[in-house]
């Protein structure tokens, strides 16, 4: 809906950009599946590789399909950076809780 006196901040992206980003997402999906079949030595390394590829894919979606590439610093600060910091703090506290637990091994 358009309000007549409101300044339009819209932008027009070329269709080619969406095709390139979509192709990149498909290629990264194939890379993720291919990387899952390779034994990298430990489960931790496998998970880190998958998370790295997923982060790249999420960044592409946020930047181009959600149009965050064209937003100003205010939206980036409160829409992307602030929630990421809160998420990192929550994961940090959860990790502290998990790694500080004492594992009780029952004796037979």
PDB file of N, CA and C in Angstrom:
ATOM      1  N   UNK A   1       0.840  -1.164   0.000  1.00  0.00           N
ATOM      2  CA  UNK A   1       0.000   0.000   0.000  1.00  0.00           C
ATOM      3  C   UNK A   1       0.888   1.232   0.000  1.00  0.00           C
ATOM      4  N   UNK A   2       0.537   2.224  -0.782  1.00  0.00           N
ATOM      5  CA  UNK A   2       1.336   3.434  -0.909  1.00  0.00           C
ATOM      6  C   UNK A   2       0.586   4.613  -0.312  1.00  0.00           C
ATOM      7  N   UNK A   3       1.264   5.360   0.547  1.00  0.00           N
ATOM      8  CA  UNK A   3       0.700   6.585   1.114  1.00  0.00           C
ATOM      9  C   UNK A   3       1.197   7.737   0.250  1.00  0.00           C
ATOM     10  N   UNK A   4       0.301   8.599  -0.260  1.00  0.00           N
ATOM     11  CA  UNK A   4       0.711   9.619  -1.240  1.00  0.00           C
ATOM     12  C   UNK A   4       1.818  10.555  -0.786  1.00  0.00           C
ATOM     13  N   UNK A   5       1.831  10.993   0.467  1.00  0.00           N
ATOM     14  CA  UNK A   5       2.830  11.955   0.911  1.00  0.00           C
ATOM     15  C   UNK A   5       4.085  11.291   1.475  1.00  0.00           C
ATOM     16  N   UNK A   6       4.145   9.999   1.457  1.00  0.00           N
ATOM     17  CA  UNK A   6       5.277   9.292   2.027  1.00  0.00           C
ATOM     18  C   UNK A   6       6.393   9.172   0.995  1.00  0.00           C
ATOM     19  N   UNK A   7       7.617   9.393   1.470  1.00  0.00           N
ATOM     20  CA  UNK A   7       8.757   9.261   0.585  1.00  0.00           C
ATOM     21  C   UNK A   7       9.014   7.777   0.307  1.00  0.00           C
ATOM     22  N   UNK A   8       9.190   7.437  -0.937  1.00  0.00           N
ATOM     23  CA  UNK A   8       9.433   6.045  -1.307  1.00  0.00           C
ATOM     24  C   UNK A   8      10.918   5.736  -1.187  1.00  0.00           C
ATOM     25  N   UNK A   9      11.245   4.660  -0.465  1.00  0.00           N
ATOM     26  CA  UNK A   9      12.625   4.232  -0.342  1.00  0.00           C
ATOM     27  C   UNK A   9      12.846   2.939  -1.116  1.00  0.00           C
ATOM     28  N   UNK A  10      11.959   2.645  -2.000  1.00  0.00           N
ATOM     29  CA  UNK A  10      12.063   1.394  -2.736  1.00  0.00           C
ATOM     30  C   UNK A  10      13.234   1.391  -3.691  1.00  0.00           C
ATOM     31  N   UNK A  11      13.582   0.239  -4.133  1.00  0.00           N
ATOM     32  CA  UNK A  11      14.658   0.070  -5.089  1.00  0.00           C
ATOM     33  C   UNK A  11      14.250  -1.038  -6.051  1.00  0.00           C
ATOM     34  N   UNK A  12      14.867  -1.022  -7.174  1.00  0.00           N
ATOM     35  CA  UNK A  12      14.569  -2.031  -8.182  1.00  0.00           C
ATOM     36  C   UNK A  12      15.834  -2.841  -8.416  1.00  0.00           C
ATOM     37  N   UNK A  13      15.737  -4.129  -8.142  1.00  0.00           N
ATOM     38  CA  UNK A  13      16.866  -5.021  -8.399  1.00  0.00           C
ATOM     39  C   UNK A  13      16.651  -5.711  -9.730  1.00  0.00           C
ATOM     40  N   UNK A  14      17.725  -5.952 -10.398  1.00  0.00           N
ATOM     41  CA  UNK A  14      17.627  -6.640 -11.678  1.00  0.00           C
ATOM     42  C   UNK A  14      17.301  -8.113 -11.453  1.00  0.00           C
ATOM     43  N   UNK A  15      16.583  -8.679 -12.375  1.00  0.00           N
ATOM     44  CA  UNK A  15      16.222 -10.090 -12.298  1.00  0.00           C
ATOM     45  C   UNK A  15      17.474 -10.961 -12.337  1.00  0.00           C
ATOM     46  N   UNK A  16      18.485 -10.490 -13.039  1.00  0.00           N
ATOM     47  CA  UNK A  16      19.744 -11.240 -13.150  1.00  0.00           C
ATOM     48  C   UNK A  16      20.368 -11.476 -11.769  1.00  0.00           C
ATOM     49  N   UNK A  17      20.245 -10.482 -10.875  1.00  0.00           N
ATOM     50  CA  UNK A  17      20.797 -10.610  -9.528  1.00  0.00           C
ATOM     51  C   UNK A  17      20.117 -11.760  -8.794  1.00  0.00           C
ATOM     52  N   UNK A  18      18.797 -11.842  -8.906  1.00  0.00           N
ATOM     53  CA  UNK A  18      18.068 -12.917  -8.233  1.00  0.00           C
ATOM     54  C   UNK A  18      18.424 -14.288  -8.806  1.00  0.00           C
ATOM     55  N   UNK A  19      18.619 -14.360 -10.105  1.00  0.00           N
ATOM     56  CA  UNK A  19      19.027 -15.630 -10.704  1.00  0.00           C
ATOM     57  C   UNK A  19      20.427 -16.036 -10.241  1.00  0.00           C
ATOM     58  N   UNK A  20      21.333 -15.072 -10.161  1.00  0.00           N
ATOM     59  CA  UNK A  20      22.691 -15.385  -9.709  1.00  0.00           C
ATOM     60  C   UNK A  20      22.706 -15.821  -8.241  1.00  0.00           C
ATOM     61  N   UNK A  21      21.952 -15.126  -7.407  1.00  0.00           N
ATOM     62  CA  UNK A  21      21.909 -15.492  -5.990  1.00  0.00           C
ATOM     63  C   UNK A  21      21.224 -16.851  -5.825  1.00  0.00           C
ATOM     64  N   UNK A  22      20.152 -17.090  -6.565  1.00  0.00           N
ATOM     65  CA  UNK A  22      19.488 -18.391  -6.503  1.00  0.00           C
ATOM     66  C   UNK A  22      20.397 -19.520  -6.959  1.00  0.00           C
ATOM     67  N   UNK A  23      21.161 -19.276  -8.014  1.00  0.00           N
ATOM     68  CA  UNK A  23      22.117 -20.279  -8.483  1.00  0.00           C
ATOM     69  C   UNK A  23      23.207 -20.516  -7.449  1.00  0.00           C
ATOM     70  N   UNK A  24      23.677 -19.441  -6.825  1.00  0.00           N
ATOM     71  CA  UNK A  24      24.696 -19.591  -5.773  1.00  0.00           C
ATOM     72  C   UNK A  24      24.151 -20.408  -4.606  1.00  0.00           C
ATOM     73  N   UNK A  25      22.887 -20.186  -4.237  1.00  0.00           N
ATOM     74  CA  UNK A  25      22.280 -20.965  -3.153  1.00  0.00           C
ATOM     75  C   UNK A  25      22.166 -22.439  -3.521  1.00  0.00           C
ATOM     76  N   UNK A  26      21.808 -22.723  -4.777  1.00  0.00           N
ATOM     77  CA  UNK A  26      21.735 -24.126  -5.210  1.00  0.00           C
ATOM     78  C   UNK A  26      23.118 -24.773  -5.214  1.00  0.00           C
ATOM     79  N   UNK A  27      24.120 -24.048  -5.688  1.00  0.00           N
ATOM     80  CA  UNK A  27      25.482 -24.585  -5.712  1.00  0.00           C
ATOM     81  C   UNK A  27      25.974 -24.837  -4.281  1.00  0.00           C
ATOM     82  N   UNK A  28      25.704 -23.900  -3.370  1.00  0.00           N
ATOM     83  CA  UNK A  28      26.130 -24.087  -1.984  1.00  0.00           C
ATOM     84  C   UNK A  28      25.385 -25.237  -1.316  1.00  0.00           C
ATOM     85  N   UNK A  29      24.143 -25.479  -1.724  1.00  0.00           N
ATOM     86  CA  UNK A  29      23.417 -26.642  -1.205  1.00  0.00           C
ATOM     87  C   UNK A  29      24.081 -27.932  -1.664  1.00  0.00           C
ATOM     88  N   UNK A  30      24.482 -27.983  -2.930  1.00  0.00           N
ATOM     89  CA  UNK A  30      25.189 -29.161  -3.445  1.00  0.00           C
ATOM     90  C   UNK A  30      26.525 -29.330  -2.727  1.00  0.00           C
ATOM     91  N   UNK A  31      27.231 -28.222  -2.464  1.00  0.00           N
ATOM     92  CA  UNK A  31      28.499 -28.287  -1.733  1.00  0.00           C
ATOM     93  C   UNK A  31      28.265 -28.815  -0.316  1.00  0.00           C
ATOM     94  N   UNK A  32      27.179 -28.371   0.326  1.00  0.00           N
ATOM     95  CA  UNK A  32      26.868 -28.854   1.671  1.00  0.00           C
ATOM     96  C   UNK A  32      26.614 -30.353   1.674  1.00  0.00           C
ATOM     97  N   UNK A  33      25.839 -30.817   0.717  1.00  0.00           N
ATOM     98  CA  UNK A  33      25.557 -32.257   0.633  1.00  0.00           C
ATOM     99  C   UNK A  33      26.834 -33.024   0.330  1.00  0.00           C
ATOM    100  N   UNK A  34      27.653 -32.503  -0.586  1.00  0.00           N
ATOM    101  CA  UNK A  34      28.912 -33.165  -0.906  1.00  0.00           C
ATOM    102  C   UNK A  34      29.855 -33.207   0.274  1.00  0.00           C
ATOM    103  N   UNK A  35      29.902 -32.120   1.046  1.00  0.00           N
ATOM    104  CA  UNK A  35      30.784 -32.077   2.215  1.00  0.00           C
ATOM    105  C   UNK A  35      30.316 -33.033   3.305  1.00  0.00           C
ATOM    106  N   UNK A  36      29.018 -33.333   3.325  1.00  0.00           N
ATOM    107  CA  UNK A  36      28.522 -34.259   4.357  1.00  0.00           C
ATOM    108  C   UNK A  36      28.975 -35.695   4.103  1.00  0.00           C
ATOM    109  N   UNK A  37      29.331 -36.011   2.859  1.00  0.00           N
ATOM    110  CA  UNK A  37      29.788 -37.365   2.544  1.00  0.00           C
ATOM    111  C   UNK A  37      31.290 -37.549   2.761  1.00  0.00           C
ATOM    112  N   UNK A  38      32.000 -36.464   3.010  1.00  0.00           N
ATOM    113  CA  UNK A  38      33.444 -36.540   3.218  1.00  0.00           C
ATOM    114  C   UNK A  38      33.722 -36.595   4.712  1.00  0.00           C
ATOM    115  N   UNK A  39      34.603 -37.507   5.108  1.00  0.00           N
ATOM    116  CA  UNK A  39      34.987 -37.592   6.511  1.00  0.00           C
ATOM    117  C   UNK A  39      36.158 -36.641   6.738  1.00  0.00           C
ATOM    118  N   UNK A  40      35.926 -35.570   7.471  1.00  0.00           N
ATOM    119  CA  UNK A  40      36.936 -34.552   7.711  1.00  0.00           C
ATOM    120  C   UNK A  40      37.756 -34.843   8.957  1.00  0.00           C
ATOM    121  N   UNK A  41      37.554 -35.961   9.581  1.00  0.00           N
ATOM    122  CA  UNK A  41      38.371 -36.335  10.727  1.00  0.00           C
ATOM    123  C   UNK A  41      37.618 -36.378  12.030  1.00  0.00           C
ATOM    124  N   UNK A  42      36.768 -35.411  12.266  1.00  0.00           N
ATOM    125  CA  UNK A  42      35.988 -35.418  13.496  1.00  0.00           C
ATOM    126  C   UNK A  42      34.614 -34.808  13.226  1.00  0.00           C
ATOM    127  N   UNK A  43      33.705 -35.090  14.116  1.00  0.00           N
ATOM    128  CA  UNK A  43      32.353 -34.567  13.969  1.00  0.00           C
ATOM    129  C   UNK A  43      32.347 -33.052  14.096  1.00  0.00           C
ATOM    130  N   UNK A  44      33.199 -32.512  14.944  1.00  0.00           N
ATOM    131  CA  UNK A  44      33.259 -31.069  15.147  1.00  0.00           C
ATOM    132  C   UNK A  44      33.623 -30.347  13.852  1.00  0.00           C
ATOM    133  N   UNK A  45      34.595 -30.856  13.136  1.00  0.00           N
ATOM    134  CA  UNK A  45      35.008 -30.229  11.873  1.00  0.00           C
ATOM    135  C   UNK A  45      33.884 -30.333  10.851  1.00  0.00           C
ATOM    136  N   UNK A  46      33.194 -31.482  10.801  1.00  0.00           N
ATOM    137  CA  UNK A  46      32.063 -31.641   9.884  1.00  0.00           C
ATOM    138  C   UNK A  46      30.976 -30.603  10.168  1.00  0.00           C
ATOM    139  N   UNK A  47      30.675 -30.407  11.453  1.00  0.00           N
ATOM    140  CA  UNK A  47      29.640 -29.451  11.835  1.00  0.00           C
ATOM    141  C   UNK A  47      30.080 -28.023  11.524  1.00  0.00           C
ATOM    142  N   UNK A  48      31.338 -27.691  11.791  1.00  0.00           N
ATOM    143  CA  UNK A  48      31.832 -26.347  11.511  1.00  0.00           C
ATOM    144  C   UNK A  48      31.801 -26.029  10.018  1.00  0.00           C
ATOM    145  N   UNK A  49      32.137 -26.983   9.176  1.00  0.00           N
ATOM    146  CA  UNK A  49      32.075 -26.771   7.728  1.00  0.00           C
ATOM    147  C   UNK A  49      30.635 -26.553   7.289  1.00  0.00           C
ATOM    148  N   UNK A  50      29.723 -27.370   7.794  1.00  0.00           N
ATOM    149  CA  UNK A  50      28.309 -27.208   7.433  1.00  0.00           C
ATOM    150  C   UNK A  50      27.759 -25.867   7.922  1.00  0.00           C
ATOM    151  N   UNK A  51      28.140 -25.450   9.122  1.00  0.00           N
ATOM    152  CA  UNK A  51      27.681 -24.162   9.645  1.00  0.00           C
ATOM    153  C   UNK A  51      28.276 -22.990   8.864  1.00  0.00           C
ATOM    154  N   UNK A  52      29.509 -23.114   8.426  1.00  0.00           N
ATOM    155  CA  UNK A  52      30.131 -22.060   7.623  1.00  0.00           C
ATOM    156  C   UNK A  52      29.381 -21.873   6.302  1.00  0.00           C
ATOM    157  N   UNK A  53      29.071 -22.978   5.636  1.00  0.00           N
ATOM    158  CA  UNK A  53      28.337 -22.894   4.376  1.00  0.00           C
ATOM    159  C   UNK A  53      26.930 -22.355   4.619  1.00  0.00           C
ATOM    160  N   UNK A  54      26.287 -22.779   5.703  1.00  0.00           N
ATOM    161  CA  UNK A  54      24.947 -22.293   6.025  1.00  0.00           C
ATOM    162  C   UNK A  54      24.955 -20.795   6.331  1.00  0.00           C
ATOM    163  N   UNK A  55      26.028 -20.307   6.948  1.00  0.00           N
ATOM    164  CA  UNK A  55      26.137 -18.881   7.235  1.00  0.00           C
ATOM    165  C   UNK A  55      26.248 -18.074   5.950  1.00  0.00           C
ATOM    166  N   UNK A  56      26.994 -18.569   4.999  1.00  0.00           N
ATOM    167  CA  UNK A  56      27.107 -17.893   3.701  1.00  0.00           C
ATOM    168  C   UNK A  56      25.747 -17.859   3.011  1.00  0.00           C
ATOM    169  N   UNK A  57      25.027 -18.984   3.036  1.00  0.00           N
ATOM    170  CA  UNK A  57      23.709 -19.029   2.410  1.00  0.00           C
ATOM    171  C   UNK A  57      22.728 -18.085   3.098  1.00  0.00           C
ATOM    172  N   UNK A  58      22.737 -18.052   4.418  1.00  0.00           N
ATOM    173  CA  UNK A  58      21.841 -17.151   5.151  1.00  0.00           C
ATOM    174  C   UNK A  58      22.173 -15.693   4.858  1.00  0.00           C
ATOM    175  N   UNK A  59      23.457 -15.388   4.729  1.00  0.00           N
ATOM    176  CA  UNK A  59      23.858 -14.020   4.411  1.00  0.00           C
ATOM    177  C   UNK A  59      23.352 -13.598   3.039  1.00  0.00           C
ATOM    178  N   UNK A  60      23.435 -14.484   2.073  1.00  0.00           N
ATOM    179  CA  UNK A  60      22.912 -14.175   0.736  1.00  0.00           C
ATOM    180  C   UNK A  60      21.414 -13.914   0.777  1.00  0.00           C
ATOM    181  N   UNK A  61      20.681 -14.743   1.509  1.00  0.00           N
ATOM    182  CA  UNK A  61      19.231 -14.566   1.606  1.00  0.00           C
ATOM    183  C   UNK A  61      18.900 -13.238   2.279  1.00  0.00           C
ATOM    184  N   UNK A  62      19.584 -12.940   3.373  1.00  0.00           N
ATOM    185  CA  UNK A  62      19.309 -11.692   4.100  1.00  0.00           C
ATOM    186  C   UNK A  62      19.653 -10.474   3.242  1.00  0.00           C
ATOM    187  N   UNK A  63      20.795 -10.504   2.578  1.00  0.00           N
ATOM    188  CA  UNK A  63      21.224  -9.347   1.801  1.00  0.00           C
ATOM    189  C   UNK A  63      20.364  -9.084   0.580  1.00  0.00           C
ATOM    190  N   UNK A  64      20.049 -10.118  -0.182  1.00  0.00           N
ATOM    191  CA  UNK A  64      19.399  -9.886  -1.460  1.00  0.00           C
ATOM    192  C   UNK A  64      17.892 -10.126  -1.440  1.00  0.00           C
ATOM    193  N   UNK A  65      17.427 -11.222  -0.871  1.00  0.00           N
ATOM    194  CA  UNK A  65      15.997 -11.500  -0.899  1.00  0.00           C
ATOM    195  C   UNK A  65      15.230 -10.711   0.152  1.00  0.00           C
ATOM    196  N   UNK A  66      15.881 -10.381   1.272  1.00  0.00           N
ATOM    197  CA  UNK A  66      15.232  -9.562   2.291  1.00  0.00           C
ATOM    198  C   UNK A  66      15.617  -8.086   2.146  1.00  0.00           C
ATOM    199  N   UNK A  67      16.389  -7.753   1.128  1.00  0.00           N
ATOM    200  CA  UNK A  67      16.761  -6.393   0.752  1.00  0.00           C
ATOM    201  C   UNK A  67      17.505  -5.635   1.849  1.00  0.00           C
ATOM    202  N   UNK A  68      18.241  -6.344   2.698  1.00  0.00           N
ATOM    203  CA  UNK A  68      19.006  -5.662   3.741  1.00  0.00           C
ATOM    204  C   UNK A  68      20.237  -4.952   3.185  1.00  0.00           C
ATOM    205  N   UNK A  69      20.627  -5.282   1.986  1.00  0.00           N
ATOM    206  CA  UNK A  69      21.772  -4.636   1.358  1.00  0.00           C
ATOM    207  C   UNK A  69      21.523  -3.135   1.180  1.00  0.00           C
ATOM    208  N   UNK A  70      20.270  -2.756   1.052  1.00  0.00           N
ATOM    209  CA  UNK A  70      19.916  -1.368   0.753  1.00  0.00           C
ATOM    210  C   UNK A  70      19.426  -0.594   1.975  1.00  0.00           C
ATOM    211  N   UNK A  71      19.492  -1.179   3.162  1.00  0.00           N
ATOM    212  CA  UNK A  71      19.005  -0.513   4.370  1.00  0.00           C
ATOM    213  C   UNK A  71      20.095   0.336   5.014  1.00  0.00           C
ATOM    214  N   UNK A  72      19.673   1.266   5.870  1.00  0.00           N
ATOM    215  CA  UNK A  72      20.637   2.135   6.531  1.00  0.00           C
ATOM    216  C   UNK A  72      21.154   1.496   7.816  1.00  0.00           C
ATOM    217  N   UNK A  73      22.038   2.209   8.512  1.00  0.00           N
ATOM    218  CA  UNK A  73      22.706   1.653   9.689  1.00  0.00           C
ATOM    219  C   UNK A  73      21.743   1.373  10.839  1.00  0.00           C
ATOM    220  N   UNK A  74      20.696   2.179  10.963  1.00  0.00           N
ATOM    221  CA  UNK A  74      19.741   1.992  12.054  1.00  0.00           C
ATOM    222  C   UNK A  74      19.077   0.620  11.952  1.00  0.00           C
ATOM    223  N   UNK A  75      18.634   0.266  10.768  1.00  0.00           N
ATOM    224  CA  UNK A  75      17.978  -1.030  10.565  1.00  0.00           C
ATOM    225  C   UNK A  75      18.975  -2.161  10.762  1.00  0.00           C
ATOM    226  N   UNK A  76      20.206  -1.989  10.283  1.00  0.00           N
ATOM    227  CA  UNK A  76      21.232  -3.010  10.475  1.00  0.00           C
ATOM    228  C   UNK A  76      21.527  -3.208  11.950  1.00  0.00           C
ATOM    229  N   UNK A  77      21.602  -2.108  12.694  1.00  0.00           N
ATOM    230  CA  UNK A  77      21.937  -2.203  14.106  1.00  0.00           C
ATOM    231  C   UNK A  77      20.878  -2.923  14.916  1.00  0.00           C
ATOM    232  N   UNK A  78      19.628  -2.524  14.735  1.00  0.00           N
ATOM    233  CA  UNK A  78      18.557  -3.104  15.534  1.00  0.00           C
ATOM    234  C   UNK A  78      17.917  -4.330  14.906  1.00  0.00           C
ATOM    235  N   UNK A  79      18.133  -4.544  13.638  1.00  0.00           N
ATOM    236  CA  UNK A  79      17.516  -5.689  12.976  1.00  0.00           C
ATOM    237  C   UNK A  79      18.430  -6.878  12.795  1.00  0.00           C
ATOM    238  N   UNK A  80      19.729  -6.640  12.742  1.00  0.00           N
ATOM    239  CA  UNK A  80      20.674  -7.729  12.478  1.00  0.00           C
ATOM    240  C   UNK A  80      21.702  -7.856  13.607  1.00  0.00           C
ATOM    241  N   UNK A  81      22.404  -6.795  13.901  1.00  0.00           N
ATOM    242  CA  UNK A  81      23.536  -6.878  14.828  1.00  0.00           C
ATOM    243  C   UNK A  81      23.079  -7.104  16.269  1.00  0.00           C
ATOM    244  N   UNK A  82      22.093  -6.340  16.731  1.00  0.00           N
ATOM    245  CA  UNK A  82      21.612  -6.489  18.105  1.00  0.00           C
ATOM    246  C   UNK A  82      21.071  -7.900  18.378  1.00  0.00           C
ATOM    247  N   UNK A  83      20.208  -8.466  17.520  1.00  0.00           N
ATOM    248  CA  UNK A  83      19.771  -9.848  17.777  1.00  0.00           C
ATOM    249  C   UNK A  83      20.909 -10.864  17.723  1.00  0.00           C
ATOM    250  N   UNK A  84      21.899 -10.634  16.869  1.00  0.00           N
ATOM    251  CA  UNK A  84      23.032 -11.563  16.801  1.00  0.00           C
ATOM    252  C   UNK A  84      23.844 -11.525  18.094  1.00  0.00           C
ATOM    253  N   UNK A  85      24.012 -10.333  18.667  1.00  0.00           N
ATOM    254  CA  UNK A  85      24.738 -10.223  19.934  1.00  0.00           C
ATOM    255  C   UNK A  85      23.960 -10.903  21.054  1.00  0.00           C
ATOM    256  N   UNK A  86      22.654 -10.673  21.121  1.00  0.00           N
ATOM    257  CA  UNK A  86      21.823 -11.317  22.146  1.00  0.00           C
ATOM    258  C   UNK A  86      21.876 -12.838  21.993  1.00  0.00           C
ATOM    259  N   UNK A  87      21.826 -13.324  20.750  1.00  0.00           N
ATOM    260  CA  UNK A  87      21.904 -14.764  20.502  1.00  0.00           C
ATOM    261  C   UNK A  87      23.251 -15.325  20.969  1.00  0.00           C
ATOM    262  N   UNK A  88      24.338 -14.604  20.687  1.00  0.00           N
ATOM    263  CA  UNK A  88      25.669 -15.068  21.107  1.00  0.00           C
ATOM    264  C   UNK A  88      25.777 -15.110  22.627  1.00  0.00           C
ATOM    265  N   UNK A  89      25.199 -14.121  23.306  1.00  0.00           N
ATOM    266  CA  UNK A  89      25.223 -14.125  24.774  1.00  0.00           C
ATOM    267  C   UNK A  89      24.436 -15.320  25.312  1.00  0.00           C
ATOM    268  N   UNK A  90      23.273 -15.584  24.735  1.00  0.00           N
ATOM    269  CA  UNK A  90      22.464 -16.718  25.191  1.00  0.00           C
ATOM    270  C   UNK A  90      23.186 -18.041  24.964  1.00  0.00           C
ATOM    271  N   UNK A  91      23.806 -18.208  23.809  1.00  0.00           N
ATOM    272  CA  UNK A  91      24.549 -19.437  23.536  1.00  0.00           C
ATOM    273  C   UNK A  91      25.740 -19.559  24.483  1.00  0.00           C
ATOM    274  N   UNK A  92      26.376 -18.436  24.797  1.00  0.00           N
ATOM    275  CA  UNK A  92      27.483 -18.463  25.741  1.00  0.00           C
ATOM    276  C   UNK A  92      27.059 -18.925  27.121  1.00  0.00           C
ATOM    277  N   UNK A  93      25.930 -18.414  27.618  1.00  0.00           N
ATOM    278  CA  UNK A  93      25.445 -18.836  28.929  1.00  0.00           C
ATOM    279  C   UNK A  93      25.000 -20.299  28.924  1.00  0.00           C
ATOM    280  N   UNK A  94      24.391 -20.727  27.828  1.00  0.00           N
ATOM    281  CA  UNK A  94      23.993 -22.132  27.729  1.00  0.00           C
ATOM    282  C   UNK A  94      25.236 -23.027  27.736  1.00  0.00           C
ATOM    283  N   UNK A  95      26.285 -22.603  27.018  1.00  0.00           N
ATOM    284  CA  UNK A  95      27.529 -23.379  26.991  1.00  0.00           C
ATOM    285  C   UNK A  95      28.165 -23.451  28.368  1.00  0.00           C
ATOM    286  N   UNK A  96      28.143 -22.333  29.093  1.00  0.00           N
ATOM    287  CA  UNK A  96      28.678 -22.356  30.456  1.00  0.00           C
ATOM    288  C   UNK A  96      27.924 -23.349  31.324  1.00  0.00           C
ATOM    289  N   UNK A  97      26.612 -23.371  31.169  1.00  0.00           N
ATOM    290  CA  UNK A  97      25.801 -24.286  31.962  1.00  0.00           C
ATOM    291  C   UNK A  97      26.103 -25.743  31.600  1.00  0.00           C
ATOM    292  N   UNK A  98      26.201 -26.032  30.320  1.00  0.00           N
ATOM    293  CA  UNK A  98      26.404 -27.415  29.882  1.00  0.00           C
ATOM    294  C   UNK A  98      27.794 -27.910  30.285  1.00  0.00           C
ATOM    295  N   UNK A  99      28.822 -27.077  30.086  1.00  0.00           N
ATOM    296  CA  UNK A  99      30.184 -27.536  30.351  1.00  0.00           C
ATOM    297  C   UNK A  99      30.546 -27.549  31.830  1.00  0.00           C
ATOM    298  N   UNK A 100      29.748 -26.920  32.681  1.00  0.00           N
ATOM    299  CA  UNK A 100      30.015 -26.924  34.108  1.00  0.00           C
ATOM    300  C   UNK A 100      29.300 -28.054  34.839  1.00  0.00           C
ATOM    301  N   UNK A 101      28.496 -28.810  34.141  1.00  0.00           N
ATOM    302  CA  UNK A 101      27.765 -29.904  34.778  1.00  0.00           C
ATOM    303  C   UNK A 101      28.701 -31.065  35.099  1.00  0.00           C
ATOM    304  N   UNK A 102      28.398 -31.757  36.164  1.00  0.00           N
ATOM    305  CA  UNK A 102      29.176 -32.913  36.566  1.00  0.00           C
ATOM    306  C   UNK A 102      28.444 -34.150  36.070  1.00  0.00           C
ATOM    307  N   UNK A 103      29.179 -34.987  35.356  1.00  0.00           N
ATOM    308  CA  UNK A 103      28.574 -36.206  34.835  1.00  0.00           C
ATOM    309  C   UNK A 103      28.720 -37.315  35.876  1.00  0.00           C
ATOM    310  N   UNK A 104      27.594 -37.847  36.263  1.00  0.00           N
ATOM    311  CA  UNK A 104      27.582 -38.927  37.266  1.00  0.00           C
ATOM    312  C   UNK A 104      27.523 -40.248  36.529  1.00  0.00           C
ATOM    313  N   UNK A 105      28.526 -41.087  36.770  1.00  0.00           N
ATOM    314  CA  UNK A 105      28.560 -42.409  36.134  1.00  0.00           C
ATOM    315  C   UNK A 105      28.143 -43.427  37.185  1.00  0.00           C
ATOM    316  N   UNK A 106      27.052 -44.130  36.923  1.00  0.00           N
ATOM    317  CA  UNK A 106      26.607 -45.118  37.927  1.00  0.00           C
ATOM    318  C   UNK A 106      27.571 -46.299  37.989  1.00  0.00           C
ATOM    319  N   UNK A 107      27.789 -46.782  39.193  1.00  0.00           N
ATOM    320  CA  UNK A 107      28.643 -47.959  39.367  1.00  0.00           C
ATOM    321  C   UNK A 107      27.775 -49.199  39.426  1.00  0.00           C
ATOM    322  N   UNK A 108      28.237 -50.274  38.821  1.00  0.00           N
ATOM    323  CA  UNK A 108      27.410 -51.495  38.800  1.00  0.00           C
ATOM    324  C   UNK A 108      27.385 -52.202  40.130  1.00  0.00           C
TER     325      UNK A 108
END
